[in-house]
Amino acid sequence: MDEDIGTSPDEVQFRSRNDEPVDHGTVTVDSFLDQSNATAVRIEPGDDARALLPHLDRIALVEVNFPAFTDGRGYSAARILREAGFTGELRAVGDVLVDQLPWMRRCGFDSFAPDKRLDEDDAQAAFDRWEEVYQSAADGRQPIWAKRHTAPKG
């Protein structure tokens, strides 16, 4: 598969988008909801991503904090936002481990800012590990069962 994991000059280690990175800081969900000019927001584990749904058209960046690799609530936040049509940058920040990268990508994350830099070869291997998938997800990859049923007729 050899997917381009992307790079970024700031705290974002991997970014797989072609647009310009957001160059300003994020605000909390509560602060975002109280102001009209913010375009970047940070979701903490206790925040409800659904509060952002009426405002997706003005959000350029959502950072989702993973304070501990065992806290999976950020995966749900990512799926909620992507399934609602969010097309902006979705960044995983915090305690992001290399073996979580492919699952985060499947949920819709397209940039990663881990607390501790990850080995780039290990990250590439993680993104490439499973060429085929079994269910639909936010990354848009076609499940293997659908490929079987849509094979060209010869």
N, C-alpha and C. Protein backbone atom coordinates (compact mmCIF):
# COMPACT_ATOMS: atom_id res chain seq x y z
N MET A 1 0.83 -1.19 0.00
CA MET A 1 0.00 0.00 0.00
C MET A 1 0.87 1.25 0.00
N ASP A 2 1.90 1.30 0.82
CA ASP A 2 2.87 2.38 0.91
C ASP A 2 2.23 3.76 0.82
N GLU A 3 1.36 4.05 1.77
CA GLU A 3 0.65 5.30 1.86
C GLU A 3 1.59 6.40 2.32
N ASP A 4 1.47 7.59 1.73
CA ASP A 4 2.31 8.70 2.13
C ASP A 4 1.85 9.19 3.49
N ILE A 5 2.72 9.08 4.50
CA ILE A 5 2.33 9.48 5.85
C ILE A 5 2.44 10.98 6.05
N GLY A 6 3.09 11.67 5.17
CA GLY A 6 3.20 13.13 5.25
C GLY A 6 4.08 13.58 6.38
N THR A 7 4.48 14.83 6.32
CA THR A 7 5.28 15.42 7.38
C THR A 7 4.84 16.87 7.57
N SER A 8 5.26 17.44 8.68
CA SER A 8 4.91 18.82 8.98
C SER A 8 6.04 19.43 9.80
N PRO A 9 6.32 20.73 9.64
CA PRO A 9 7.43 21.35 10.35
C PRO A 9 7.17 21.64 11.83
N ASP A 10 5.92 21.59 12.28
CA ASP A 10 5.62 21.93 13.66
C ASP A 10 5.45 20.67 14.51
N GLU A 11 4.63 20.74 15.54
CA GLU A 11 4.45 19.60 16.43
C GLU A 11 3.71 18.44 15.76
N VAL A 12 3.14 18.66 14.60
CA VAL A 12 2.44 17.61 13.87
C VAL A 12 3.50 16.77 13.16
N GLN A 13 3.56 15.50 13.53
CA GLN A 13 4.58 14.64 12.93
C GLN A 13 4.13 14.07 11.60
N PHE A 14 2.87 13.69 11.50
CA PHE A 14 2.37 13.11 10.26
C PHE A 14 1.10 13.85 9.86
N ARG A 15 1.02 14.21 8.59
CA ARG A 15 -0.16 14.92 8.08
C ARG A 15 -0.38 14.46 6.65
N SER A 16 -1.56 13.92 6.39
CA SER A 16 -1.84 13.40 5.05
C SER A 16 -2.92 14.23 4.36
N ARG A 17 -2.72 15.53 4.37
CA ARG A 17 -3.63 16.46 3.69
C ARG A 17 -2.78 17.34 2.77
N ASN A 18 -3.41 17.87 1.73
CA ASN A 18 -2.71 18.73 0.79
C ASN A 18 -2.96 20.22 1.03
N ASP A 19 -3.92 20.54 1.90
CA ASP A 19 -4.21 21.94 2.15
C ASP A 19 -3.22 22.52 3.16
N GLU A 20 -3.27 23.83 3.34
CA GLU A 20 -2.38 24.51 4.27
C GLU A 20 -2.75 24.16 5.70
N PRO A 21 -1.77 23.88 6.54
CA PRO A 21 -2.08 23.62 7.95
C PRO A 21 -2.64 24.87 8.63
N VAL A 22 -3.51 24.66 9.59
CA VAL A 22 -4.04 25.76 10.39
C VAL A 22 -2.89 26.32 11.21
N ASP A 23 -2.70 27.64 11.16
CA ASP A 23 -1.53 28.23 11.81
C ASP A 23 -1.87 28.98 13.10
N HIS A 24 -3.00 28.68 13.70
CA HIS A 24 -3.34 29.32 14.96
C HIS A 24 -3.82 28.25 15.96
N GLY A 25 -3.80 28.60 17.23
CA GLY A 25 -4.11 27.66 18.28
C GLY A 25 -5.58 27.28 18.35
N THR A 26 -5.81 26.22 19.08
CA THR A 26 -7.18 25.74 19.28
C THR A 26 -7.75 26.31 20.58
N VAL A 27 -9.07 26.27 20.65
CA VAL A 27 -9.79 26.66 21.87
C VAL A 27 -10.56 25.45 22.37
N THR A 28 -10.98 25.50 23.61
CA THR A 28 -11.79 24.41 24.15
C THR A 28 -13.16 24.40 23.49
N VAL A 29 -13.87 23.30 23.63
CA VAL A 29 -15.22 23.21 23.07
C VAL A 29 -16.11 24.29 23.66
N ASP A 30 -16.06 24.48 24.98
CA ASP A 30 -16.89 25.52 25.61
C ASP A 30 -16.55 26.90 25.07
N SER A 31 -15.27 27.22 24.95
CA SER A 31 -14.87 28.52 24.41
C SER A 31 -15.32 28.67 22.97
N PHE A 32 -15.18 27.61 22.18
CA PHE A 32 -15.60 27.65 20.79
C PHE A 32 -17.09 27.97 20.68
N LEU A 33 -17.88 27.34 21.51
CA LEU A 33 -19.33 27.54 21.45
C LEU A 33 -19.74 28.94 21.90
N ASP A 34 -18.87 29.60 22.69
CA ASP A 34 -19.17 30.95 23.19
C ASP A 34 -18.67 32.06 22.29
N GLN A 35 -17.95 31.74 21.21
CA GLN A 35 -17.44 32.80 20.34
C GLN A 35 -17.78 32.49 18.88
N SER A 36 -17.66 33.50 18.07
CA SER A 36 -18.06 33.32 16.67
C SER A 36 -16.89 33.33 15.70
N ASN A 37 -15.67 33.59 16.17
CA ASN A 37 -14.55 33.72 15.23
C ASN A 37 -13.56 32.57 15.29
N ALA A 38 -13.70 31.62 16.19
CA ALA A 38 -12.76 30.50 16.29
C ALA A 38 -12.98 29.52 15.14
N THR A 39 -11.88 29.00 14.61
CA THR A 39 -11.97 27.99 13.53
C THR A 39 -11.22 26.72 13.87
N ALA A 40 -10.63 26.68 15.08
CA ALA A 40 -9.89 25.51 15.52
C ALA A 40 -10.29 25.19 16.96
N VAL A 41 -10.62 23.93 17.20
CA VAL A 41 -11.13 23.53 18.51
C VAL A 41 -10.44 22.25 18.96
N ARG A 42 -10.31 22.10 20.28
CA ARG A 42 -9.67 20.92 20.86
C ARG A 42 -10.69 20.18 21.70
N ILE A 43 -10.89 18.91 21.40
CA ILE A 43 -11.81 18.06 22.15
C ILE A 43 -11.03 17.30 23.20
N GLU A 44 -11.47 17.41 24.44
CA GLU A 44 -10.91 16.65 25.55
C GLU A 44 -11.80 15.42 25.78
N PRO A 45 -11.30 14.42 26.49
CA PRO A 45 -12.07 13.18 26.66
C PRO A 45 -13.49 13.34 27.19
N GLY A 46 -13.76 14.31 28.04
CA GLY A 46 -15.12 14.47 28.57
C GLY A 46 -16.05 15.28 27.69
N ASP A 47 -15.54 15.84 26.60
CA ASP A 47 -16.35 16.68 25.71
C ASP A 47 -17.20 15.84 24.78
N ASP A 48 -18.36 16.38 24.42
CA ASP A 48 -19.25 15.72 23.48
C ASP A 48 -19.06 16.33 22.09
N ALA A 49 -18.51 15.57 21.18
CA ALA A 49 -18.25 16.07 19.82
C ALA A 49 -19.52 16.52 19.12
N ARG A 50 -20.65 15.98 19.52
CA ARG A 50 -21.92 16.35 18.87
C ARG A 50 -22.26 17.82 19.07
N ALA A 51 -21.70 18.47 20.09
CA ALA A 51 -21.94 19.89 20.30
C ALA A 51 -21.38 20.73 19.15
N LEU A 52 -20.41 20.18 18.42
CA LEU A 52 -19.80 20.91 17.30
C LEU A 52 -20.56 20.74 15.98
N LEU A 53 -21.45 19.80 15.90
CA LEU A 53 -22.09 19.48 14.62
C LEU A 53 -22.77 20.66 13.94
N PRO A 54 -23.46 21.56 14.65
CA PRO A 54 -24.08 22.69 13.95
C PRO A 54 -23.06 23.69 13.39
N HIS A 55 -21.80 23.54 13.74
CA HIS A 55 -20.77 24.52 13.37
C HIS A 55 -19.70 23.97 12.44
N LEU A 56 -19.89 22.80 11.90
CA LEU A 56 -18.83 22.16 11.10
C LEU A 56 -18.39 23.00 9.93
N ASP A 57 -19.26 23.82 9.38
CA ASP A 57 -18.92 24.62 8.20
C ASP A 57 -17.87 25.69 8.49
N ARG A 58 -17.65 26.04 9.75
CA ARG A 58 -16.66 27.07 10.07
C ARG A 58 -15.44 26.53 10.81
N ILE A 59 -15.35 25.23 10.96
CA ILE A 59 -14.21 24.64 11.67
C ILE A 59 -13.19 24.13 10.65
N ALA A 60 -11.96 24.58 10.78
CA ALA A 60 -10.88 24.13 9.90
C ALA A 60 -10.08 23.00 10.52
N LEU A 61 -10.01 22.96 11.86
CA LEU A 61 -9.20 21.99 12.57
C LEU A 61 -9.89 21.55 13.85
N VAL A 62 -9.92 20.24 14.06
CA VAL A 62 -10.32 19.69 15.35
C VAL A 62 -9.18 18.82 15.85
N GLU A 63 -8.64 19.20 17.01
CA GLU A 63 -7.66 18.35 17.69
C GLU A 63 -8.42 17.50 18.70
N VAL A 64 -8.09 16.23 18.74
CA VAL A 64 -8.70 15.33 19.71
C VAL A 64 -7.59 14.84 20.62
N ASN A 65 -7.72 15.14 21.91
CA ASN A 65 -6.67 14.81 22.87
C ASN A 65 -6.82 13.38 23.38
N PHE A 66 -5.72 12.65 23.32
CA PHE A 66 -5.61 11.33 23.91
C PHE A 66 -4.64 11.44 25.09
N PRO A 67 -5.14 11.71 26.31
CA PRO A 67 -4.23 11.89 27.44
C PRO A 67 -3.54 10.59 27.85
N ALA A 68 -4.14 9.47 27.51
CA ALA A 68 -3.56 8.15 27.78
C ALA A 68 -3.95 7.24 26.63
N PHE A 69 -3.03 6.38 26.20
CA PHE A 69 -3.33 5.52 25.06
C PHE A 69 -4.50 4.59 25.33
N THR A 70 -4.84 4.39 26.60
CA THR A 70 -5.96 3.51 26.95
C THR A 70 -7.31 4.20 26.86
N ASP A 71 -7.34 5.50 26.62
CA ASP A 71 -8.59 6.25 26.55
C ASP A 71 -9.05 6.32 25.09
N GLY A 72 -10.06 5.56 24.76
CA GLY A 72 -10.51 5.46 23.38
C GLY A 72 -11.64 6.37 22.99
N ARG A 73 -12.04 7.29 23.85
CA ARG A 73 -13.17 8.16 23.53
C ARG A 73 -12.91 9.03 22.30
N GLY A 74 -11.66 9.34 22.03
CA GLY A 74 -11.34 10.16 20.87
C GLY A 74 -11.68 9.49 19.55
N TYR A 75 -11.64 8.17 19.52
CA TYR A 75 -12.03 7.44 18.30
C TYR A 75 -13.50 7.73 17.98
N SER A 76 -14.34 7.70 19.01
CA SER A 76 -15.76 7.97 18.81
C SER A 76 -15.99 9.40 18.36
N ALA A 77 -15.26 10.35 18.95
CA ALA A 77 -15.40 11.75 18.54
C ALA A 77 -15.06 11.91 17.06
N ALA A 78 -13.99 11.25 16.63
CA ALA A 78 -13.59 11.33 15.22
C ALA A 78 -14.68 10.77 14.30
N ARG A 79 -15.20 9.62 14.63
CA ARG A 79 -16.26 9.01 13.80
C ARG A 79 -17.50 9.89 13.75
N ILE A 80 -17.90 10.45 14.89
CA ILE A 80 -19.07 11.33 14.93
C ILE A 80 -18.87 12.49 13.97
N LEU A 81 -17.71 13.13 14.03
CA LEU A 81 -17.45 14.29 13.18
C LEU A 81 -17.39 13.92 11.70
N ARG A 82 -16.68 12.86 11.36
CA ARG A 82 -16.57 12.46 9.95
C ARG A 82 -17.91 11.99 9.39
N GLU A 83 -18.64 11.23 10.17
CA GLU A 83 -19.95 10.75 9.68
C GLU A 83 -20.94 11.89 9.50
N ALA A 84 -20.73 13.00 10.23
CA ALA A 84 -21.58 14.18 10.09
C ALA A 84 -21.15 15.06 8.92
N GLY A 85 -20.04 14.71 8.27
CA GLY A 85 -19.60 15.45 7.09
C GLY A 85 -18.44 16.39 7.31
N PHE A 86 -17.78 16.35 8.46
CA PHE A 86 -16.64 17.22 8.70
C PHE A 86 -15.51 16.87 7.74
N THR A 87 -15.03 17.86 6.99
CA THR A 87 -13.97 17.63 6.01
C THR A 87 -12.67 18.34 6.37
N GLY A 88 -12.66 19.07 7.48
CA GLY A 88 -11.46 19.76 7.92
C GLY A 88 -10.43 18.79 8.48
N GLU A 89 -9.35 19.36 8.95
CA GLU A 89 -8.28 18.54 9.50
C GLU A 89 -8.70 17.98 10.86
N LEU A 90 -8.47 16.70 11.04
CA LEU A 90 -8.78 16.01 12.29
C LEU A 90 -7.47 15.45 12.83
N ARG A 91 -7.00 16.03 13.93
CA ARG A 91 -5.66 15.74 14.44
C ARG A 91 -5.73 15.00 15.78
N ALA A 92 -5.05 13.87 15.86
CA ALA A 92 -4.89 13.14 17.11
C ALA A 92 -3.66 13.69 17.83
N VAL A 93 -3.83 14.10 19.08
CA VAL A 93 -2.73 14.66 19.86
C VAL A 93 -2.62 13.93 21.19
N GLY A 94 -1.43 13.93 21.74
CA GLY A 94 -1.25 13.35 23.07
C GLY A 94 -0.53 12.02 23.04
N ASP A 95 -1.03 11.08 23.82
CA ASP A 95 -0.40 9.77 23.98
C ASP A 95 -0.79 8.86 22.82
N VAL A 96 -0.30 9.19 21.65
CA VAL A 96 -0.57 8.46 20.42
C VAL A 96 0.57 7.48 20.19
N LEU A 97 0.24 6.20 20.08
CA LEU A 97 1.25 5.16 19.89
C LEU A 97 1.25 4.69 18.44
N VAL A 98 2.36 4.17 18.00
CA VAL A 98 2.51 3.77 16.60
C VAL A 98 1.49 2.70 16.20
N ASP A 99 1.16 1.77 17.10
CA ASP A 99 0.22 0.71 16.72
C ASP A 99 -1.22 1.21 16.65
N GLN A 100 -1.49 2.43 17.12
CA GLN A 100 -2.83 3.00 17.02
C GLN A 100 -3.05 3.76 15.71
N LEU A 101 -2.00 4.11 15.03
CA LEU A 101 -2.11 4.96 13.84
C LEU A 101 -3.09 4.43 12.80
N PRO A 102 -3.01 3.15 12.40
CA PRO A 102 -3.96 2.72 11.36
C PRO A 102 -5.42 2.77 11.82
N TRP A 103 -5.67 2.52 13.09
CA TRP A 103 -7.05 2.55 13.58
C TRP A 103 -7.54 3.99 13.67
N MET A 104 -6.66 4.89 14.05
CA MET A 104 -7.02 6.31 14.08
C MET A 104 -7.32 6.80 12.67
N ARG A 105 -6.50 6.40 11.72
CA ARG A 105 -6.73 6.79 10.32
C ARG A 105 -8.08 6.26 9.84
N ARG A 106 -8.42 5.03 10.20
CA ARG A 106 -9.71 4.46 9.80
C ARG A 106 -10.88 5.25 10.36
N CYS A 107 -10.70 5.84 11.55
CA CYS A 107 -11.76 6.64 12.17
C CYS A 107 -11.86 8.04 11.59
N GLY A 108 -10.88 8.44 10.79
CA GLY A 108 -10.95 9.74 10.14
C GLY A 108 -9.84 10.71 10.46
N PHE A 109 -8.92 10.35 11.35
CA PHE A 109 -7.81 11.25 11.63
C PHE A 109 -6.90 11.35 10.41
N ASP A 110 -6.47 12.57 10.10
CA ASP A 110 -5.56 12.75 8.96
C ASP A 110 -4.30 13.51 9.35
N SER A 111 -4.12 13.77 10.64
CA SER A 111 -2.85 14.29 11.12
C SER A 111 -2.64 13.83 12.56
N PHE A 112 -1.37 13.76 12.94
CA PHE A 112 -1.01 13.16 14.22
C PHE A 112 0.11 13.98 14.86
N ALA A 113 -0.11 14.34 16.12
CA ALA A 113 0.88 15.08 16.88
C ALA A 113 1.11 14.34 18.21
N PRO A 114 1.88 13.26 18.16
CA PRO A 114 2.13 12.50 19.39
C PRO A 114 3.02 13.27 20.37
N ASP A 115 2.80 13.00 21.66
CA ASP A 115 3.65 13.62 22.70
C ASP A 115 5.11 13.26 22.49
N LYS A 116 5.36 12.01 22.13
CA LYS A 116 6.73 11.55 21.87
C LYS A 116 6.83 11.19 20.40
N ARG A 117 7.84 11.74 19.74
CA ARG A 117 8.02 11.46 18.32
C ARG A 117 8.08 9.97 18.06
N LEU A 118 7.43 9.55 16.98
CA LEU A 118 7.41 8.14 16.60
C LEU A 118 8.45 7.90 15.52
N ASP A 119 8.98 6.71 15.49
CA ASP A 119 9.91 6.32 14.43
C ASP A 119 9.14 6.30 13.11
N GLU A 120 9.65 7.00 12.11
CA GLU A 120 8.91 7.14 10.86
C GLU A 120 8.80 5.83 10.09
N ASP A 121 9.81 4.98 10.16
CA ASP A 121 9.71 3.67 9.50
C ASP A 121 8.66 2.80 10.17
N ASP A 122 8.60 2.85 11.50
CA ASP A 122 7.58 2.09 12.22
C ASP A 122 6.19 2.61 11.89
N ALA A 123 6.06 3.93 11.79
CA ALA A 123 4.76 4.52 11.45
C ALA A 123 4.33 4.10 10.05
N GLN A 124 5.24 4.15 9.09
CA GLN A 124 4.91 3.73 7.73
C GLN A 124 4.48 2.27 7.71
N ALA A 125 5.19 1.43 8.45
CA ALA A 125 4.84 0.00 8.53
C ALA A 125 3.45 -0.17 9.14
N ALA A 126 3.13 0.63 10.15
CA ALA A 126 1.81 0.54 10.77
C ALA A 126 0.71 0.93 9.78
N PHE A 127 0.91 2.01 9.04
CA PHE A 127 -0.09 2.43 8.06
C PHE A 127 -0.26 1.41 6.94
N ASP A 128 0.81 0.70 6.61
CA ASP A 128 0.78 -0.27 5.50
C ASP A 128 0.40 -1.68 5.91
N ARG A 129 0.29 -1.95 7.20
CA ARG A 129 0.17 -3.31 7.71
C ARG A 129 -0.98 -4.10 7.12
N TRP A 130 -2.17 -3.54 7.08
CA TRP A 130 -3.33 -4.29 6.58
C TRP A 130 -3.82 -3.65 5.30
N GLU A 131 -3.55 -4.33 4.20
CA GLU A 131 -3.95 -3.81 2.90
C GLU A 131 -5.47 -3.88 2.72
N GLU A 132 -6.08 -4.92 3.24
CA GLU A 132 -7.52 -5.11 3.10
C GLU A 132 -8.23 -4.86 4.43
N VAL A 133 -9.47 -4.41 4.36
CA VAL A 133 -10.28 -4.16 5.55
C VAL A 133 -11.60 -4.90 5.42
N TYR A 134 -12.27 -5.10 6.54
CA TYR A 134 -13.49 -5.89 6.55
C TYR A 134 -14.76 -5.07 6.67
N GLN A 135 -14.67 -3.81 7.06
CA GLN A 135 -15.86 -2.99 7.15
C GLN A 135 -15.56 -1.57 6.67
N SER A 136 -16.63 -0.87 6.33
CA SER A 136 -16.50 0.53 5.92
C SER A 136 -16.12 1.36 7.12
N ALA A 137 -15.41 2.44 6.87
CA ALA A 137 -15.03 3.36 7.93
C ALA A 137 -14.83 4.74 7.32
N ALA A 138 -14.43 5.68 8.13
CA ALA A 138 -14.27 7.06 7.68
C ALA A 138 -13.16 7.25 6.66
N ASP A 139 -12.24 6.31 6.56
CA ASP A 139 -11.14 6.47 5.61
C ASP A 139 -11.55 6.15 4.17
N GLY A 140 -12.76 5.66 3.98
CA GLY A 140 -13.28 5.43 2.64
C GLY A 140 -12.75 4.21 1.91
N ARG A 141 -11.96 3.38 2.59
CA ARG A 141 -11.44 2.18 1.93
C ARG A 141 -12.56 1.18 1.71
N GLN A 142 -12.52 0.53 0.58
CA GLN A 142 -13.56 -0.44 0.23
C GLN A 142 -13.30 -1.76 0.95
N PRO A 143 -14.32 -2.28 1.67
CA PRO A 143 -14.16 -3.56 2.35
C PRO A 143 -13.90 -4.69 1.35
N ILE A 144 -13.17 -5.67 1.80
CA ILE A 144 -12.80 -6.77 0.91
C ILE A 144 -14.02 -7.52 0.38
N TRP A 145 -15.06 -7.65 1.20
CA TRP A 145 -16.25 -8.36 0.74
C TRP A 145 -16.91 -7.61 -0.42
N ALA A 146 -16.85 -6.29 -0.40
CA ALA A 146 -17.44 -5.51 -1.49
C ALA A 146 -16.62 -5.66 -2.77
N LYS A 147 -15.33 -5.81 -2.63
CA LYS A 147 -14.48 -6.03 -3.80
C LYS A 147 -14.82 -7.37 -4.45
N ARG A 148 -15.08 -8.35 -3.62
CA ARG A 148 -15.41 -9.69 -4.13
C ARG A 148 -16.71 -9.64 -4.93
N HIS A 149 -17.67 -8.86 -4.46
CA HIS A 149 -18.97 -8.80 -5.11
C HIS A 149 -19.03 -7.82 -6.27
N THR A 150 -17.98 -7.03 -6.46
CA THR A 150 -17.96 -6.07 -7.56
C THR A 150 -16.82 -6.35 -8.54
N ALA A 151 -16.34 -7.57 -8.51
CA ALA A 151 -15.23 -7.93 -9.42
C ALA A 151 -15.69 -7.82 -10.87
N PRO A 152 -14.80 -7.40 -11.75
CA PRO A 152 -15.17 -7.29 -13.17
C PRO A 152 -15.56 -8.64 -13.74
N LYS A 153 -16.55 -8.60 -14.59
CA LYS A 153 -17.02 -9.83 -15.26
C LYS A 153 -16.19 -10.04 -16.52
N GLY A 154 -15.80 -11.28 -16.72
CA GLY A 154 -14.93 -11.51 -17.85
C GLY A 154 -15.38 -12.49 -18.80
